[in-house]
């Protein structure tokens, strides 16, 4: 099991709405969508290093 730590994040209204919409479209939680977005960014940044 992953060791997960809670973190509060303040989001602008437009980003909050986008995350909520993505969660609904993907039948997932908003938390999952935030994690997915961050992981995609990490992967892009890592790919630049190669």
PDB file of N, CA and C in Angstrom:
ATOM      1  N   UNK A   1       0.844  -1.188   0.000  1.00  0.00           N
ATOM      2  CA  UNK A   1       0.000   0.000   0.000  1.00  0.00           C
ATOM      3  C   UNK A   1       0.885   1.245   0.000  1.00  0.00           C
ATOM      4  N   UNK A   2       0.470   2.246  -0.758  1.00  0.00           N
ATOM      5  CA  UNK A   2       1.222   3.493  -0.835  1.00  0.00           C
ATOM      6  C   UNK A   2       1.075   4.294   0.446  1.00  0.00           C
ATOM      7  N   UNK A   3       2.139   4.956   0.812  1.00  0.00           N
ATOM      8  CA  UNK A   3       2.097   5.871   1.941  1.00  0.00           C
ATOM      9  C   UNK A   3       1.649   7.224   1.408  1.00  0.00           C
ATOM     10  N   UNK A   4       0.443   7.637   1.746  1.00  0.00           N
ATOM     11  CA  UNK A   4      -0.115   8.880   1.210  1.00  0.00           C
ATOM     12  C   UNK A   4      -0.301   9.885   2.333  1.00  0.00           C
ATOM     13  N   UNK A   5       0.064  11.110   2.061  1.00  0.00           N
ATOM     14  CA  UNK A   5      -0.059  12.200   3.028  1.00  0.00           C
ATOM     15  C   UNK A   5      -1.099  13.194   2.540  1.00  0.00           C
ATOM     16  N   UNK A   6      -1.978  13.660   3.413  1.00  0.00           N
ATOM     17  CA  UNK A   6      -2.953  14.672   3.001  1.00  0.00           C
ATOM     18  C   UNK A   6      -2.271  16.013   2.733  1.00  0.00           C
ATOM     19  N   UNK A   7      -2.848  16.772   1.804  1.00  0.00           N
ATOM     20  CA  UNK A   7      -2.315  18.082   1.461  1.00  0.00           C
ATOM     21  C   UNK A   7      -3.461  18.973   1.015  1.00  0.00           C
ATOM     22  N   UNK A   8      -3.584  20.114   1.632  1.00  0.00           N
ATOM     23  CA  UNK A   8      -4.602  21.070   1.204  1.00  0.00           C
ATOM     24  C   UNK A   8      -4.057  21.907   0.071  1.00  0.00           C
ATOM     25  N   UNK A   9      -4.886  22.114  -0.945  1.00  0.00           N
ATOM     26  CA  UNK A   9      -4.487  22.930  -2.084  1.00  0.00           C
ATOM     27  C   UNK A   9      -5.609  23.915  -2.383  1.00  0.00           C
ATOM     28  N   UNK A  10      -5.244  25.174  -2.547  1.00  0.00           N
ATOM     29  CA  UNK A  10      -6.219  26.187  -2.956  1.00  0.00           C
ATOM     30  C   UNK A  10      -6.135  26.334  -4.464  1.00  0.00           C
ATOM     31  N   UNK A  11      -7.278  26.178  -5.128  1.00  0.00           N
ATOM     32  CA  UNK A  11      -7.316  26.241  -6.584  1.00  0.00           C
ATOM     33  C   UNK A  11      -8.196  27.399  -7.049  1.00  0.00           C
ATOM     34  N   UNK A  12      -7.800  28.026  -8.143  1.00  0.00           N
ATOM     35  CA  UNK A  12      -8.696  29.012  -8.755  1.00  0.00           C
ATOM     36  C   UNK A  12      -9.978  28.307  -9.211  1.00  0.00           C
ATOM     37  N   UNK A  13     -11.047  29.051  -9.277  1.00  0.00           N
ATOM     38  CA  UNK A  13     -12.347  28.474  -9.634  1.00  0.00           C
ATOM     39  C   UNK A  13     -12.319  27.713 -10.952  1.00  0.00           C
ATOM     40  N   UNK A  14     -11.596  28.242 -11.947  1.00  0.00           N
ATOM     41  CA  UNK A  14     -11.585  27.566 -13.246  1.00  0.00           C
ATOM     42  C   UNK A  14     -10.897  26.209 -13.185  1.00  0.00           C
ATOM     43  N   UNK A  15      -9.824  26.097 -12.409  1.00  0.00           N
ATOM     44  CA  UNK A  15      -9.155  24.801 -12.281  1.00  0.00           C
ATOM     45  C   UNK A  15      -9.987  23.813 -11.476  1.00  0.00           C
ATOM     46  N   UNK A  16     -10.636  24.294 -10.441  1.00  0.00           N
ATOM     47  CA  UNK A  16     -11.516  23.436  -9.636  1.00  0.00           C
ATOM     48  C   UNK A  16     -12.638  22.883 -10.509  1.00  0.00           C
ATOM     49  N   UNK A  17     -13.212  23.738 -11.339  1.00  0.00           N
ATOM     50  CA  UNK A  17     -14.296  23.303 -12.227  1.00  0.00           C
ATOM     51  C   UNK A  17     -13.787  22.286 -13.251  1.00  0.00           C
ATOM     52  N   UNK A  18     -12.575  22.513 -13.779  1.00  0.00           N
ATOM     53  CA  UNK A  18     -12.000  21.580 -14.752  1.00  0.00           C
ATOM     54  C   UNK A  18     -11.774  20.217 -14.117  1.00  0.00           C
ATOM     55  N   UNK A  19     -11.225  20.211 -12.910  1.00  0.00           N
ATOM     56  CA  UNK A  19     -10.976  18.953 -12.206  1.00  0.00           C
ATOM     57  C   UNK A  19     -12.288  18.231 -11.923  1.00  0.00           C
ATOM     58  N   UNK A  20     -13.281  18.965 -11.487  1.00  0.00           N
ATOM     59  CA  UNK A  20     -14.590  18.360 -11.220  1.00  0.00           C
ATOM     60  C   UNK A  20     -15.170  17.754 -12.497  1.00  0.00           C
ATOM     61  N   UNK A  21     -15.038  18.461 -13.608  1.00  0.00           N
ATOM     62  CA  UNK A  21     -15.542  17.969 -14.883  1.00  0.00           C
ATOM     63  C   UNK A  21     -14.791  16.711 -15.325  1.00  0.00           C
ATOM     64  N   UNK A  22     -13.478  16.724 -15.208  1.00  0.00           N
ATOM     65  CA  UNK A  22     -12.678  15.560 -15.579  1.00  0.00           C
ATOM     66  C   UNK A  22     -13.045  14.349 -14.714  1.00  0.00           C
ATOM     67  N   UNK A  23     -13.250  14.585 -13.446  1.00  0.00           N
ATOM     68  CA  UNK A  23     -13.627  13.497 -12.541  1.00  0.00           C
ATOM     69  C   UNK A  23     -14.954  12.878 -12.973  1.00  0.00           C
ATOM     70  N   UNK A  24     -15.901  13.728 -13.331  1.00  0.00           N
ATOM     71  CA  UNK A  24     -17.199  13.218 -13.778  1.00  0.00           C
ATOM     72  C   UNK A  24     -17.054  12.442 -15.089  1.00  0.00           C
ATOM     73  N   UNK A  25     -16.301  13.004 -16.033  1.00  0.00           N
ATOM     74  CA  UNK A  25     -16.110  12.335 -17.328  1.00  0.00           C
ATOM     75  C   UNK A  25     -15.424  10.985 -17.175  1.00  0.00           C
ATOM     76  N   UNK A  26     -14.483  10.885 -16.238  1.00  0.00           N
ATOM     77  CA  UNK A  26     -13.705   9.663 -16.054  1.00  0.00           C
ATOM     78  C   UNK A  26     -14.238   8.758 -14.951  1.00  0.00           C
ATOM     79  N   UNK A  27     -15.388   9.121 -14.398  1.00  0.00           N
ATOM     80  CA  UNK A  27     -15.981   8.357 -13.288  1.00  0.00           C
ATOM     81  C   UNK A  27     -14.948   8.103 -12.193  1.00  0.00           C
ATOM     82  N   UNK A  28     -14.257   9.167 -11.823  1.00  0.00           N
ATOM     83  CA  UNK A  28     -13.231   9.058 -10.786  1.00  0.00           C
ATOM     84  C   UNK A  28     -13.411  10.192  -9.780  1.00  0.00           C
ATOM     85  N   UNK A  29     -12.582  10.184  -8.776  1.00  0.00           N
ATOM     86  CA  UNK A  29     -12.647  11.249  -7.780  1.00  0.00           C
ATOM     87  C   UNK A  29     -11.824  12.453  -8.239  1.00  0.00           C
ATOM     88  N   UNK A  30     -12.108  13.586  -7.656  1.00  0.00           N
ATOM     89  CA  UNK A  30     -11.319  14.773  -7.960  1.00  0.00           C
ATOM     90  C   UNK A  30      -9.879  14.571  -7.510  1.00  0.00           C
ATOM     91  N   UNK A  31      -9.686  13.899  -6.405  1.00  0.00           N
ATOM     92  CA  UNK A  31      -8.341  13.598  -5.929  1.00  0.00           C
ATOM     93  C   UNK A  31      -7.578  12.793  -6.979  1.00  0.00           C
ATOM     94  N   UNK A  32      -8.217  11.795  -7.556  1.00  0.00           N
ATOM     95  CA  UNK A  32      -7.573  10.984  -8.593  1.00  0.00           C
ATOM     96  C   UNK A  32      -7.194  11.828  -9.800  1.00  0.00           C
ATOM     97  N   UNK A  33      -8.030  12.777 -10.152  1.00  0.00           N
ATOM     98  CA  UNK A  33      -7.732  13.635 -11.301  1.00  0.00           C
ATOM     99  C   UNK A  33      -6.551  14.552 -11.024  1.00  0.00           C
ATOM    100  N   UNK A  34      -6.431  15.050  -9.810  1.00  0.00           N
ATOM    101  CA  UNK A  34      -5.284  15.878  -9.447  1.00  0.00           C
ATOM    102  C   UNK A  34      -4.010  15.040  -9.530  1.00  0.00           C
ATOM    103  N   UNK A  35      -4.051  13.829  -8.992  1.00  0.00           N
ATOM    104  CA  UNK A  35      -2.890  12.943  -9.040  1.00  0.00           C
ATOM    105  C   UNK A  35      -2.529  12.626 -10.483  1.00  0.00           C
ATOM    106  N   UNK A  36      -3.527  12.327 -11.305  1.00  0.00           N
ATOM    107  CA  UNK A  36      -3.283  12.020 -12.714  1.00  0.00           C
ATOM    108  C   UNK A  36      -2.608  13.201 -13.419  1.00  0.00           C
ATOM    109  N   UNK A  37      -3.089  14.405 -13.180  1.00  0.00           N
ATOM    110  CA  UNK A  37      -2.517  15.596 -13.813  1.00  0.00           C
ATOM    111  C   UNK A  37      -1.077  15.820 -13.379  1.00  0.00           C
ATOM    112  N   UNK A  38      -0.803  15.651 -12.111  1.00  0.00           N
ATOM    113  CA  UNK A  38       0.565  15.838 -11.613  1.00  0.00           C
ATOM    114  C   UNK A  38       1.486  14.769 -12.186  1.00  0.00           C
ATOM    115  N   UNK A  39       1.025  13.529 -12.207  1.00  0.00           N
ATOM    116  CA  UNK A  39       1.862  12.448 -12.747  1.00  0.00           C
ATOM    117  C   UNK A  39       2.174  12.671 -14.223  1.00  0.00           C
ATOM    118  N   UNK A  40       1.180  13.139 -14.986  1.00  0.00           N
ATOM    119  CA  UNK A  40       1.421  13.423 -16.400  1.00  0.00           C
ATOM    120  C   UNK A  40       2.480  14.511 -16.553  1.00  0.00           C
ATOM    121  N   UNK A  41       2.427  15.524 -15.725  1.00  0.00           N
ATOM    122  CA  UNK A  41       3.433  16.596 -15.767  1.00  0.00           C
ATOM    123  C   UNK A  41       4.815  16.064 -15.404  1.00  0.00           C
ATOM    124  N   UNK A  42       4.886  15.239 -14.370  1.00  0.00           N
ATOM    125  CA  UNK A  42       6.167  14.651 -13.964  1.00  0.00           C
ATOM    126  C   UNK A  42       6.748  13.841 -15.116  1.00  0.00           C
ATOM    127  N   UNK A  43       5.924  13.039 -15.775  1.00  0.00           N
ATOM    128  CA  UNK A  43       6.396  12.228 -16.895  1.00  0.00           C
ATOM    129  C   UNK A  43       6.924  13.098 -18.032  1.00  0.00           C
ATOM    130  N   UNK A  44       6.225  14.208 -18.334  1.00  0.00           N
ATOM    131  CA  UNK A  44       6.705  15.116 -19.386  1.00  0.00           C
ATOM    132  C   UNK A  44       8.051  15.727 -19.018  1.00  0.00           C
ATOM    133  N   UNK A  45       8.202  16.144 -17.772  1.00  0.00           N
ATOM    134  CA  UNK A  45       9.457  16.743 -17.321  1.00  0.00           C
ATOM    135  C   UNK A  45      10.588  15.724 -17.350  1.00  0.00           C
ATOM    136  N   UNK A  46      10.311  14.495 -16.935  1.00  0.00           N
ATOM    137  CA  UNK A  46      11.317  13.446 -16.963  1.00  0.00           C
ATOM    138  C   UNK A  46      11.734  13.127 -18.392  1.00  0.00           C
ATOM    139  N   UNK A  47      10.781  13.140 -19.320  1.00  0.00           N
ATOM    140  CA  UNK A  47      11.076  12.852 -20.720  1.00  0.00           C
ATOM    141  C   UNK A  47      12.004  13.913 -21.310  1.00  0.00           C
ATOM    142  N   UNK A  48      11.927  15.123 -20.843  1.00  0.00           N
ATOM    143  CA  UNK A  48      12.799  16.197 -21.336  1.00  0.00           C
ATOM    144  C   UNK A  48      14.255  15.946 -20.962  1.00  0.00           C
ATOM    145  N   UNK A  49      14.481  15.212 -19.884  1.00  0.00           N
ATOM    146  CA  UNK A  49      15.833  14.962 -19.396  1.00  0.00           C
ATOM    147  C   UNK A  49      16.563  13.894 -20.211  1.00  0.00           C
ATOM    148  N   UNK A  50      15.783  13.135 -20.954  1.00  0.00           N
ATOM    149  CA  UNK A  50      16.375  12.010 -21.719  1.00  0.00           C
ATOM    150  C   UNK A  50      16.987  12.513 -23.018  1.00  0.00           C
TER     151      UNK A  50
END
